[in-house]
C-alpha atoms as a PDB file:
ATOM      1  CA  MET A   1      -0.001   0.019   0.001  1.00  0.00           C
ATOM      2  CA  ALA A   2       2.955   2.305   0.528  1.00  0.00           C
ATOM      3  CA  GLY A   3       3.380   4.923  -2.176  1.00  0.00           C
ATOM      4  CA  THR A   4      -0.242   4.895  -3.287  1.00  0.00           C
ATOM      5  CA  ILE A   5      -2.074   8.197  -3.607  1.00  0.00           C
ATOM      6  CA  ASP A   6      -5.426   7.948  -1.839  1.00  0.00           C
ATOM      7  CA  PRO A   7      -7.852  10.566  -0.345  1.00  0.00           C
ATOM      8  CA  ILE A   8      -7.691   8.725   3.004  1.00  0.00           C
ATOM      9  CA  VAL A   9      -3.886   8.787   2.981  1.00  0.00           C
ATOM     10  CA  SER A  10      -3.763  12.464   1.997  1.00  0.00           C
ATOM     11  CA  ILE A  11      -5.562  13.488   5.178  1.00  0.00           C
ATOM     12  CA  ALA A  12      -3.416  11.263   7.429  1.00  0.00           C
ATOM     13  CA  PRO A  13      -1.109  13.026   9.912  1.00  0.00           C
ATOM     14  CA  SER A  14       1.933  11.694   8.000  1.00  0.00           C
ATOM     15  CA  ASN A  15       0.886  13.636   4.915  1.00  0.00           C
ATOM     16  CA  ARG A  16      -0.330  16.749   6.815  1.00  0.00           C
ATOM     17  CA  PHE A  17       2.613  18.774   5.339  1.00  0.00           C
ATOM     18  CA  HIS A  18       1.771  17.768   1.767  1.00  0.00           C
ATOM     19  CA  THR A  19      -1.871  18.757   2.247  1.00  0.00           C
ATOM     20  CA  LEU A  20      -0.880  22.056   3.872  1.00  0.00           C
ATOM     21  CA  LEU A  21       1.461  22.781   0.965  1.00  0.00           C
ATOM     22  CA  GLY A  22      -1.341  22.175  -1.544  1.00  0.00           C
ATOM     23  CA  VAL A  23      -3.778  24.415   0.345  1.00  0.00           C
ATOM     24  CA  SER A  24      -1.140  27.144   0.698  1.00  0.00           C
ATOM     25  CA  PHE A  25      -0.551  27.070  -3.042  1.00  0.00           C
ATOM     26  CA  LEU A  26      -4.269  27.441  -3.792  1.00  0.00           C
ATOM     27  CA  VAL A  27      -4.505  30.400  -1.384  1.00  0.00           C
ATOM     28  CA  TYR A  28      -1.465  31.999  -3.010  1.00  0.00           C
ATOM     29  CA  GLU A  29      -2.997  31.545  -6.490  1.00  0.00           C
ATOM     30  CA  VAL A  30      -6.248  33.224  -5.441  1.00  0.00           C
ATOM     31  CA  TRP A  31      -4.346  36.106  -3.745  1.00  0.00           C
ATOM     32  CA  TRP A  32      -2.122  36.576  -6.775  1.00  0.00           C
ATOM     33  CA  HIS A  33      -5.116  36.875  -9.115  1.00  0.00           C
ATOM     34  CA  ILE A  34      -6.884  39.317  -6.777  1.00  0.00           C
ATOM     35  CA  GLU A  35      -3.733  41.477  -6.591  1.00  0.00           C
ATOM     36  CA  TRP A  36      -3.424  41.669 -10.353  1.00  0.00           C
ATOM     37  CA  ASP A  37      -7.147  42.180 -10.991  1.00  0.00           C
ATOM     38  CA  SER A  38      -7.520  45.081  -8.575  1.00  0.00           C
END
């Protein structure tokens, strides 16, 4: 099972950093577009 990408695995504590990185990137993308559109 190791190495598989799975929604259950992605929310596990061991992958908390990876999830946080993905969310941070989405927030940055939204902020970047708002900055350029205003």
